[in-house]
C-alpha atoms as a PDB file:
ATOM      1  CA  MET A   1       0.337  -0.253  -0.128  1.00  0.00           C
ATOM      2  CA  ALA A   2       0.917   3.438  -0.170  1.00  0.00           C
ATOM      3  CA  LYS A   3       2.856   6.066   2.357  1.00  0.00           C
ATOM      4  CA  ILE A   4       0.411   8.875   2.766  1.00  0.00           C
ATOM      5  CA  MET A   5       1.508  12.353   4.701  1.00  0.00           C
ATOM      6  CA  VAL A   6      -1.941  13.893   6.189  1.00  0.00           C
ATOM      7  CA  VAL A   7      -2.044  17.649   6.855  1.00  0.00           C
ATOM      8  CA  ASP A   8      -4.431  18.945   8.973  1.00  0.00           C
ATOM      9  CA  ASN A   9      -4.193  21.242  12.063  1.00  0.00           C
ATOM     10  CA  ASN A  10      -7.410  19.853  13.731  1.00  0.00           C
ATOM     11  CA  LYS A  11      -5.503  17.286  15.618  1.00  0.00           C
ATOM     12  CA  ASN A  12      -8.839  14.506  15.808  1.00  0.00           C
ATOM     13  CA  LEU A  13      -9.043  14.466  12.524  1.00  0.00           C
ATOM     14  CA  ARG A  14      -5.682  13.650  12.055  1.00  0.00           C
ATOM     15  CA  TYR A  15      -6.847  10.716  14.648  1.00  0.00           C
ATOM     16  CA  LEU A  16      -9.255   9.782  12.733  1.00  0.00           C
ATOM     17  CA  TYR A  17      -7.916   9.975   9.040  1.00  0.00           C
ATOM     18  CA  GLN A  18      -4.739   8.109  10.735  1.00  0.00           C
ATOM     19  CA  LYS A  19      -6.442   5.512  12.247  1.00  0.00           C
ATOM     20  CA  GLU A  20      -8.918   4.698   9.073  1.00  0.00           C
ATOM     21  CA  LEU A  21      -6.192   4.776   6.460  1.00  0.00           C
ATOM     22  CA  SER A  22      -3.632   2.715   8.930  1.00  0.00           C
ATOM     23  CA  TYR A  23      -6.826   0.199   8.557  1.00  0.00           C
ATOM     24  CA  GLU A  24      -6.483   0.302   4.590  1.00  0.00           C
ATOM     25  CA  GLY A  25      -3.161  -0.915   4.517  1.00  0.00           C
ATOM     26  CA  HIS A  26      -1.938   2.425   3.867  1.00  0.00           C
ATOM     27  CA  GLU A  27       1.501   3.482   6.132  1.00  0.00           C
ATOM     28  CA  VAL A  28       0.423   6.686   7.777  1.00  0.00           C
ATOM     29  CA  THR A  29       2.036   9.992   9.085  1.00  0.00           C
ATOM     30  CA  THR A  30       0.410  13.034  10.300  1.00  0.00           C
ATOM     31  CA  VAL A  31       1.283  16.661  10.466  1.00  0.00           C
ATOM     32  CA  PRO A  32      -0.260  20.169  11.882  1.00  0.00           C
ATOM     33  CA  SER A  33       1.282  22.615   9.612  1.00  0.00           C
ATOM     34  CA  LYS A  34       3.242  22.864   6.036  1.00  0.00           C
ATOM     35  CA  GLU A  35       6.088  23.765   8.304  1.00  0.00           C
ATOM     36  CA  ASP A  36       5.961  19.859   9.681  1.00  0.00           C
ATOM     37  CA  ALA A  37       4.917  18.677   6.329  1.00  0.00           C
ATOM     38  CA  LEU A  38       8.220  20.057   4.352  1.00  0.00           C
ATOM     39  CA  GLU A  39      10.321  18.696   7.104  1.00  0.00           C
ATOM     40  CA  ALA A  40       8.729  15.246   6.854  1.00  0.00           C
ATOM     41  CA  LEU A  41       9.515  15.221   3.122  1.00  0.00           C
ATOM     42  CA  ASP A  42      13.273  15.996   4.020  1.00  0.00           C
ATOM     43  CA  THR A  43      13.387  12.456   5.790  1.00  0.00           C
ATOM     44  CA  THR A  44      10.846  10.424   4.225  1.00  0.00           C
ATOM     45  CA  LYS A  45       9.740   9.440   0.434  1.00  0.00           C
ATOM     46  CA  PHE A  46       5.889   9.759   0.397  1.00  0.00           C
ATOM     47  CA  ASP A  47       3.625   8.335  -2.388  1.00  0.00           C
ATOM     48  CA  LEU A  48       0.493  10.856  -1.006  1.00  0.00           C
ATOM     49  CA  ILE A  49      -0.111  14.065   0.432  1.00  0.00           C
ATOM     50  CA  VAL A  50      -3.589  14.604   1.772  1.00  0.00           C
ATOM     51  CA  SER A  51      -3.955  18.495   3.236  1.00  0.00           C
ATOM     52  CA  GLU A  52      -6.638  20.765   4.268  1.00  0.00           C
ATOM     53  CA  LEU A  53      -6.500  24.017   2.586  1.00  0.00           C
ATOM     54  CA  GLN A  54      -4.570  26.236   5.195  1.00  0.00           C
ATOM     55  CA  TYR A  55      -4.271  29.774   4.920  1.00  0.00           C
ATOM     56  CA  PRO A  56      -1.614  31.093   4.524  1.00  0.00           C
ATOM     57  CA  PHE A  57      -0.571  27.515   3.452  1.00  0.00           C
ATOM     58  CA  PHE A  58      -2.066  28.008   0.057  1.00  0.00           C
ATOM     59  CA  ALA A  59      -1.813  31.704   0.033  1.00  0.00           C
ATOM     60  CA  CYS A  60      -0.119  31.738  -3.337  1.00  0.00           C
ATOM     61  CA  SER A  61       0.562  28.584  -5.648  1.00  0.00           C
ATOM     62  CA  PRO A  62       4.559  29.287  -4.954  1.00  0.00           C
ATOM     63  CA  ASN A  63       3.959  28.351  -1.350  1.00  0.00           C
ATOM     64  CA  PHE A  64       2.311  24.885  -2.372  1.00  0.00           C
ATOM     65  CA  SER A  65       4.952  23.875  -5.149  1.00  0.00           C
ATOM     66  CA  ASP A  66       7.236  24.099  -2.178  1.00  0.00           C
ATOM     67  CA  PHE A  67       5.888  20.403  -1.783  1.00  0.00           C
ATOM     68  CA  TYR A  68       6.881  19.477  -5.477  1.00  0.00           C
ATOM     69  CA  THR A  69      10.715  20.812  -4.666  1.00  0.00           C
ATOM     70  CA  LYS A  70      10.754  17.983  -2.730  1.00  0.00           C
ATOM     71  CA  ASP A  71       9.363  15.137  -4.795  1.00  0.00           C
ATOM     72  CA  MET A  72       8.238  16.090  -8.756  1.00  0.00           C
ATOM     73  CA  ASN A  73       5.895  12.857  -8.189  1.00  0.00           C
ATOM     74  CA  LEU A  74       4.387  13.337  -5.464  1.00  0.00           C
ATOM     75  CA  LYS A  75       0.238  13.523  -5.317  1.00  0.00           C
ATOM     76  CA  VAL A  76      -1.830  15.584  -3.681  1.00  0.00           C
ATOM     77  CA  ILE A  77      -5.222  15.125  -2.658  1.00  0.00           C
ATOM     78  CA  ILE A  78      -6.917  19.072  -0.944  1.00  0.00           C
ATOM     79  CA  ASN A  79      -9.541  17.841   1.698  1.00  0.00           C
ATOM     80  CA  THR A  80     -11.087  21.253   2.512  1.00  0.00           C
ATOM     81  CA  ALA A  81     -14.310  22.235   4.473  1.00  0.00           C
ATOM     82  CA  TYR A  82     -14.234  25.382   1.473  1.00  0.00           C
ATOM     83  CA  GLN A  83     -16.539  23.865  -1.071  1.00  0.00           C
ATOM     84  CA  THR A  84     -15.202  25.685  -4.012  1.00  0.00           C
ATOM     85  CA  GLN A  85     -13.130  25.126  -7.031  1.00  0.00           C
ATOM     86  CA  PRO A  86      -9.385  25.321  -7.412  1.00  0.00           C
ATOM     87  CA  PHE A  87      -7.781  28.155  -8.522  1.00  0.00           C
ATOM     88  CA  ARG A  88      -6.264  27.812 -12.060  1.00  0.00           C
ATOM     89  CA  THR A  89      -2.702  28.165 -10.272  1.00  0.00           C
ATOM     90  CA  TRP A  90      -3.324  25.198  -8.163  1.00  0.00           C
ATOM     91  CA  GLN A  91      -4.620  22.916 -10.524  1.00  0.00           C
ATOM     92  CA  LYS A  92      -1.273  21.460 -11.831  1.00  0.00           C
ATOM     93  CA  PHE A  93      -0.516  20.495  -8.572  1.00  0.00           C
ATOM     94  CA  VAL A  94      -3.667  19.137  -7.069  1.00  0.00           C
ATOM     95  CA  ASP A  95      -4.432  15.531  -8.359  1.00  0.00           C
ATOM     96  CA  ALA A  96      -8.191  15.980  -6.115  1.00  0.00           C
ATOM     97  CA  TRP A  97     -10.350  18.484  -4.276  1.00  0.00           C
ATOM     98  CA  ILE A  98     -12.574  17.009  -1.482  1.00  0.00           C
ATOM     99  CA  THR A  99     -15.157  18.234   0.567  1.00  0.00           C
ATOM    100  CA  LYS A 100     -13.360  17.778   4.492  1.00  0.00           C
ATOM    101  CA  SER A 101     -15.556  15.255   6.330  1.00  0.00           C
ATOM    102  CA  SER A 102     -16.124  12.941   9.242  1.00  0.00           C
ATOM    103  CA  ASP A 103     -17.381  10.097   7.139  1.00  0.00           C
ATOM    104  CA  VAL A 104     -13.869   8.999   5.314  1.00  0.00           C
ATOM    105  CA  GLU A 105     -15.159   7.125   2.293  1.00  0.00           C
ATOM    106  CA  VAL A 106     -14.669   9.882  -0.096  1.00  0.00           C
ATOM    107  CA  LEU A 107     -11.686  10.086   1.237  1.00  0.00           C
ATOM    108  CA  LYS A 108     -10.841   6.553   0.665  1.00  0.00           C
ATOM    109  CA  ARG A 109     -12.310   6.368  -2.446  1.00  0.00           C
ATOM    110  CA  THR A 110      -9.858   9.204  -3.828  1.00  0.00           C
ATOM    111  CA  ILE A 111      -7.188   8.296  -2.501  1.00  0.00           C
ATOM    112  CA  ARG A 112      -7.653   4.770  -4.720  1.00  0.00           C
ATOM    113  CA  GLU A 113      -8.602   6.641  -7.648  1.00  0.00           C
ATOM    114  CA  VAL A 114      -5.009   9.192  -7.576  1.00  0.00           C
ATOM    115  CA  LEU A 115      -2.933   6.047  -6.603  1.00  0.00           C
ATOM    116  CA  ASN A 116      -4.132   3.688  -9.219  1.00  0.00           C
END
């Protein structure tokens, strides 16, 4: 299965996603911020990042592209409470955009789609 990093400032959702995705067979690392995510990318190769839309985390695409300076093959799912379409400048960096929920079935299905 895949190595997945979950970036979310909500510790309860990090815990939920870690448990659910681990049960699916994935190796899951959770971090609360972009800075922690970039540190983790220095030491670990991930297949996928699932990240909430944090401001100023994604305030502009150059900040978002920091992930790609670490690994150009990295897949990214934005998991957000904002029910909007991604900005055009982000589209080249994002593999999927979903609405955040405590029901993880949509997230798990999207992970399968992005990784296949």
